[in-house]
N, C-alpha and C. Protein backbone atom coordinates (compact mmCIF):
# COMPACT_ATOMS: atom_id res chain seq x y z
N UNK A 1 -1.97 12.44 -27.45
CA UNK A 1 -1.14 11.42 -27.22
C UNK A 1 0.26 11.75 -27.39
N UNK A 2 0.71 12.56 -28.28
CA UNK A 2 2.04 13.02 -28.40
C UNK A 2 2.54 13.61 -27.15
N UNK A 3 1.51 14.55 -26.57
CA UNK A 3 1.87 15.31 -25.35
C UNK A 3 1.92 14.36 -24.25
N UNK A 4 1.18 13.17 -24.13
CA UNK A 4 1.43 12.14 -23.07
C UNK A 4 2.92 11.57 -23.08
N UNK A 5 3.37 11.30 -24.37
CA UNK A 5 4.72 10.77 -24.52
C UNK A 5 5.78 11.94 -24.20
N UNK A 6 5.46 13.07 -24.57
CA UNK A 6 6.28 14.19 -24.29
C UNK A 6 6.61 14.31 -22.78
N UNK A 7 5.40 14.35 -21.95
CA UNK A 7 5.46 14.57 -20.68
C UNK A 7 6.10 13.30 -20.02
N UNK A 8 5.86 12.15 -20.57
CA UNK A 8 6.41 11.03 -20.16
C UNK A 8 7.93 10.76 -20.27
N UNK A 9 8.39 11.32 -21.51
CA UNK A 9 9.91 11.29 -21.83
C UNK A 9 10.43 12.44 -20.85
N UNK A 10 9.83 13.60 -20.62
CA UNK A 10 10.35 14.65 -19.84
C UNK A 10 10.61 13.99 -18.39
N UNK A 11 9.78 13.34 -17.86
CA UNK A 11 10.01 12.86 -16.38
C UNK A 11 10.73 11.70 -16.12
N UNK A 12 11.39 11.17 -17.41
CA UNK A 12 12.18 9.88 -17.27
C UNK A 12 13.49 10.25 -16.36
N UNK A 13 13.79 9.17 -15.56
CA UNK A 13 14.96 9.44 -14.55
C UNK A 13 15.96 8.27 -15.00
N UNK A 14 17.20 8.50 -15.06
CA UNK A 14 18.36 7.61 -15.49
C UNK A 14 18.47 6.79 -14.23
N UNK A 15 18.80 5.35 -14.57
CA UNK A 15 19.22 4.54 -13.44
C UNK A 15 20.60 4.74 -13.10
N UNK A 16 20.90 4.69 -11.80
CA UNK A 16 22.35 4.81 -11.24
C UNK A 16 22.88 3.33 -11.24
N UNK A 17 23.96 3.16 -10.67
CA UNK A 17 24.68 1.91 -10.53
C UNK A 17 23.84 0.95 -9.52
N UNK A 18 23.68 -0.21 -9.74
CA UNK A 18 22.96 -1.08 -8.76
C UNK A 18 23.48 -1.01 -7.35
N UNK A 19 22.58 -0.77 -6.29
CA UNK A 19 23.19 -0.67 -5.02
C UNK A 19 22.65 -1.97 -4.18
N UNK A 20 23.37 -2.17 -3.25
CA UNK A 20 23.03 -3.37 -2.43
C UNK A 20 21.84 -3.11 -1.51
N UNK A 21 21.69 -1.81 -1.04
CA UNK A 21 20.48 -1.60 -0.26
C UNK A 21 20.15 -0.13 -0.62
N UNK A 22 18.85 0.23 -0.73
CA UNK A 22 18.40 1.66 -0.76
C UNK A 22 17.01 1.54 -0.42
N UNK A 23 16.63 2.84 -0.08
CA UNK A 23 15.11 3.06 0.33
C UNK A 23 14.30 2.94 -0.93
N UNK A 24 13.22 2.44 -0.73
CA UNK A 24 12.04 2.29 -1.84
C UNK A 24 11.39 3.68 -1.75
N UNK A 25 10.82 4.25 -2.85
CA UNK A 25 10.06 5.40 -2.87
C UNK A 25 8.94 5.16 -3.94
N UNK A 26 7.97 6.09 -3.64
CA UNK A 26 6.81 6.20 -4.62
C UNK A 26 6.50 7.64 -4.71
N UNK A 27 5.98 8.12 -5.82
CA UNK A 27 5.52 9.49 -6.10
C UNK A 27 4.22 9.36 -6.91
N UNK A 28 3.37 10.37 -6.66
CA UNK A 28 2.15 10.48 -7.42
C UNK A 28 2.14 12.17 -7.85
N UNK A 29 1.70 12.41 -8.95
CA UNK A 29 1.49 13.95 -9.30
C UNK A 29 0.63 14.12 -10.39
N UNK A 30 0.45 15.40 -10.62
CA UNK A 30 -0.37 15.92 -11.60
C UNK A 30 0.29 17.11 -12.26
N UNK A 31 -0.01 17.06 -13.60
CA UNK A 31 0.56 18.30 -14.34
C UNK A 31 -0.50 18.81 -15.13
N UNK A 32 -0.84 20.05 -14.86
CA UNK A 32 -2.00 20.83 -15.58
C UNK A 32 -1.46 21.61 -16.85
N UNK A 33 -2.05 21.37 -17.88
CA UNK A 33 -1.56 22.02 -19.24
C UNK A 33 -2.73 22.57 -19.95
N UNK A 34 -2.55 23.40 -20.96
CA UNK A 34 -3.76 24.06 -21.64
C UNK A 34 -4.45 22.84 -22.31
N UNK A 35 -3.87 21.80 -22.60
CA UNK A 35 -4.57 20.50 -23.22
C UNK A 35 -5.11 19.62 -22.32
N UNK A 36 -4.98 19.74 -21.06
CA UNK A 36 -5.75 19.02 -19.96
C UNK A 36 -4.72 18.63 -18.86
N UNK A 37 -5.14 17.75 -17.90
CA UNK A 37 -4.33 17.27 -16.87
C UNK A 37 -3.74 15.87 -17.11
N UNK A 38 -2.46 15.85 -16.75
CA UNK A 38 -1.72 14.49 -16.89
C UNK A 38 -1.52 14.12 -15.49
N UNK A 39 -1.71 12.76 -15.16
CA UNK A 39 -1.43 12.21 -13.83
C UNK A 39 -0.47 11.18 -14.01
N UNK A 40 0.43 11.06 -13.02
CA UNK A 40 1.54 10.00 -13.00
C UNK A 40 1.81 9.31 -11.62
N UNK A 41 2.41 8.22 -11.80
CA UNK A 41 2.80 7.61 -10.54
C UNK A 41 4.18 6.97 -11.00
N UNK A 42 5.00 7.05 -10.03
CA UNK A 42 6.36 6.46 -10.32
C UNK A 42 6.92 5.74 -8.88
N UNK A 43 7.49 4.55 -8.97
CA UNK A 43 8.07 3.90 -7.77
C UNK A 43 9.38 3.36 -8.17
N UNK A 44 10.23 3.22 -7.07
CA UNK A 44 11.55 2.55 -7.29
C UNK A 44 11.99 1.95 -6.10
N UNK A 45 13.06 1.07 -6.17
CA UNK A 45 13.50 0.35 -4.93
C UNK A 45 14.80 -0.42 -5.42
N UNK A 46 15.42 -0.86 -4.60
CA UNK A 46 16.71 -1.73 -4.74
C UNK A 46 16.72 -2.81 -3.70
N UNK A 47 17.14 -4.10 -4.09
CA UNK A 47 17.35 -5.25 -3.13
C UNK A 47 17.98 -6.33 -3.81
N UNK A 48 19.02 -6.92 -3.10
CA UNK A 48 19.87 -8.01 -3.77
C UNK A 48 20.68 -7.56 -4.79
N UNK A 49 21.20 -6.39 -5.09
CA UNK A 49 21.91 -5.98 -6.12
C UNK A 49 21.07 -5.52 -7.48
N UNK A 50 19.85 -5.57 -7.31
CA UNK A 50 19.02 -5.01 -8.43
C UNK A 50 18.16 -3.92 -8.05
N UNK A 51 18.30 -2.94 -8.96
CA UNK A 51 17.32 -1.73 -8.70
C UNK A 51 16.32 -1.71 -9.84
N UNK A 52 14.96 -1.35 -9.37
CA UNK A 52 14.12 -1.22 -10.43
C UNK A 52 13.27 -0.02 -10.24
N UNK A 53 12.57 0.38 -11.37
CA UNK A 53 11.74 1.69 -11.37
C UNK A 53 10.62 1.43 -12.41
N UNK A 54 9.44 1.90 -11.93
CA UNK A 54 8.28 1.76 -12.85
C UNK A 54 7.45 3.15 -12.85
N UNK A 55 6.77 3.51 -14.04
CA UNK A 55 6.26 4.81 -14.12
C UNK A 55 5.06 4.68 -14.94
N UNK A 56 3.90 5.24 -14.73
CA UNK A 56 2.71 5.30 -15.56
C UNK A 56 2.23 6.72 -15.57
N UNK A 57 1.98 7.18 -16.81
CA UNK A 57 1.56 8.62 -16.90
C UNK A 57 0.24 8.44 -17.71
N UNK A 58 -0.90 9.04 -17.30
CA UNK A 58 -2.21 9.03 -17.89
C UNK A 58 -2.62 10.39 -18.45
N UNK A 59 -3.04 10.53 -19.70
CA UNK A 59 -3.32 11.78 -20.20
C UNK A 59 -4.74 12.15 -19.97
N UNK A 60 -5.17 13.43 -20.40
CA UNK A 60 -6.57 13.89 -20.17
C UNK A 60 -7.66 13.12 -20.79
N UNK A 61 -7.37 12.19 -21.83
CA UNK A 61 -8.35 11.41 -22.56
C UNK A 61 -8.34 10.02 -22.13
N UNK A 62 -7.53 9.76 -20.99
CA UNK A 62 -7.49 8.43 -20.39
C UNK A 62 -6.50 7.55 -21.03
N UNK A 63 -5.67 8.04 -22.07
CA UNK A 63 -4.61 7.27 -22.64
C UNK A 63 -3.43 7.12 -21.59
N UNK A 64 -2.76 6.01 -21.52
CA UNK A 64 -1.62 5.86 -20.49
C UNK A 64 -0.40 5.39 -21.38
N UNK A 65 0.72 5.84 -20.92
CA UNK A 65 2.06 5.27 -21.21
C UNK A 65 2.76 4.77 -20.15
N UNK A 66 3.56 3.74 -20.22
CA UNK A 66 4.35 3.19 -19.10
C UNK A 66 5.64 2.81 -19.41
N UNK A 67 6.52 2.77 -18.37
CA UNK A 67 7.87 2.34 -18.44
C UNK A 67 8.31 1.60 -17.34
N UNK A 68 8.84 0.49 -17.43
CA UNK A 68 9.51 -0.20 -16.30
C UNK A 68 11.04 -0.68 -16.68
N UNK A 69 11.84 -0.72 -15.76
CA UNK A 69 13.19 -1.12 -15.90
C UNK A 69 13.89 -1.63 -14.71
N UNK A 70 15.11 -2.19 -14.86
CA UNK A 70 15.95 -2.55 -13.87
C UNK A 70 17.42 -2.43 -14.31
N UNK A 71 18.31 -2.48 -13.29
CA UNK A 71 19.69 -2.45 -13.46
C UNK A 71 20.24 -3.57 -12.49
N UNK A 72 20.81 -4.58 -12.77
CA UNK A 72 21.46 -5.67 -11.88
C UNK A 72 22.85 -5.70 -11.85
N UNK A 73 23.56 -5.69 -10.77
CA UNK A 73 24.96 -5.92 -10.69
C UNK A 73 25.12 -7.37 -10.88
N UNK A 74 26.01 -7.79 -11.92
CA UNK A 74 26.25 -9.17 -12.13
C UNK A 74 27.65 -9.75 -11.78
N UNK A 75 28.56 -8.70 -11.61
CA UNK A 75 29.84 -9.16 -11.09
C UNK A 75 30.56 -7.69 -10.76
N UNK A 76 31.70 -7.65 -10.08
CA UNK A 76 32.24 -6.44 -9.77
C UNK A 76 32.49 -5.61 -11.11
N UNK A 77 32.00 -4.43 -11.15
CA UNK A 77 32.10 -3.61 -12.33
C UNK A 77 31.28 -4.01 -13.58
N UNK A 78 30.37 -5.05 -13.33
CA UNK A 78 29.48 -5.43 -14.46
C UNK A 78 28.14 -5.34 -14.12
N UNK A 79 27.17 -4.82 -15.14
CA UNK A 79 25.84 -4.72 -14.81
C UNK A 79 25.00 -5.15 -16.12
N UNK A 80 23.77 -5.61 -15.73
CA UNK A 80 22.83 -5.86 -16.82
C UNK A 80 21.80 -4.91 -16.54
N UNK A 81 21.02 -4.58 -17.66
CA UNK A 81 19.77 -3.76 -17.65
C UNK A 81 18.86 -3.99 -18.65
N UNK A 82 17.67 -3.67 -18.36
CA UNK A 82 16.51 -3.73 -19.36
C UNK A 82 15.36 -2.88 -19.04
N UNK A 83 14.54 -2.55 -20.06
CA UNK A 83 13.43 -1.76 -19.84
C UNK A 83 12.32 -2.04 -20.76
N UNK A 84 11.05 -1.93 -20.41
CA UNK A 84 10.08 -2.12 -21.33
C UNK A 84 9.19 -0.72 -21.30
N UNK A 85 8.78 -0.13 -22.46
CA UNK A 85 8.07 0.96 -22.56
C UNK A 85 6.85 0.53 -23.35
N UNK A 86 5.61 0.98 -22.96
CA UNK A 86 4.32 0.88 -23.57
C UNK A 86 3.80 2.14 -23.92
N UNK A 87 3.55 2.37 -25.08
CA UNK A 87 2.81 3.77 -25.48
C UNK A 87 1.34 3.85 -25.33
N UNK A 88 0.64 4.88 -25.51
CA UNK A 88 -0.78 5.08 -25.27
C UNK A 88 -1.54 4.31 -26.21
N UNK A 89 -1.04 3.78 -27.23
CA UNK A 89 -1.73 2.92 -28.20
C UNK A 89 -1.47 1.51 -27.94
N UNK A 90 -0.65 1.16 -27.01
CA UNK A 90 -0.34 -0.31 -26.58
C UNK A 90 0.85 -0.86 -27.35
N UNK A 91 1.44 -0.06 -28.08
CA UNK A 91 2.73 -0.57 -28.83
C UNK A 91 3.85 -0.72 -27.65
N UNK A 92 4.56 -1.68 -27.65
CA UNK A 92 5.53 -1.94 -26.60
C UNK A 92 7.07 -2.12 -27.29
N UNK A 93 7.94 -1.61 -26.62
CA UNK A 93 9.27 -1.63 -26.90
C UNK A 93 10.12 -2.20 -25.68
N UNK A 94 11.03 -3.19 -26.09
CA UNK A 94 11.74 -3.64 -24.99
C UNK A 94 13.36 -3.61 -25.24
N UNK A 95 13.99 -3.09 -24.25
CA UNK A 95 15.43 -3.01 -24.69
C UNK A 95 16.31 -3.69 -23.40
N UNK A 96 17.38 -4.31 -23.74
CA UNK A 96 18.28 -4.86 -22.65
C UNK A 96 19.71 -4.84 -23.13
N UNK A 97 20.43 -5.01 -22.12
CA UNK A 97 21.88 -5.23 -22.41
C UNK A 97 22.83 -5.29 -21.30
N UNK A 98 24.14 -5.22 -21.45
CA UNK A 98 25.06 -5.14 -20.31
C UNK A 98 26.15 -4.20 -20.51
N UNK A 99 26.65 -3.84 -19.32
CA UNK A 99 27.85 -2.79 -19.31
C UNK A 99 28.89 -3.22 -18.36
N UNK A 100 30.16 -3.21 -18.83
CA UNK A 100 31.26 -3.49 -17.90
C UNK A 100 32.28 -2.42 -17.96
N UNK A 101 32.81 -2.05 -16.69
CA UNK A 101 33.79 -1.08 -16.73
C UNK A 101 35.12 -1.62 -16.36
N UNK A 102 36.28 -1.31 -16.89
CA UNK A 102 37.39 -1.95 -16.71
C UNK A 102 38.38 -1.11 -15.88
């Protein structure tokens, strides 16, 4: 389970600034380790000033961890963001906030 979270954290990608238009993408992959195979799926896309991303990683014993999040342009130079992370035991953490540049 710790390895699942470690692989999950290692593959995390930071959000950029929200764009008006961007191509959506999706990835699937596997990582083979001495402890077993981890499988993952990630997808991302932007529309209407909001970019979102989601990811799921499943470990060799069937435990999954997931993360989804978004960044939204709320005004010129201002953005709101949020993310929800669920660990392999079902515990969930949600974070949100806003950023402005001057």
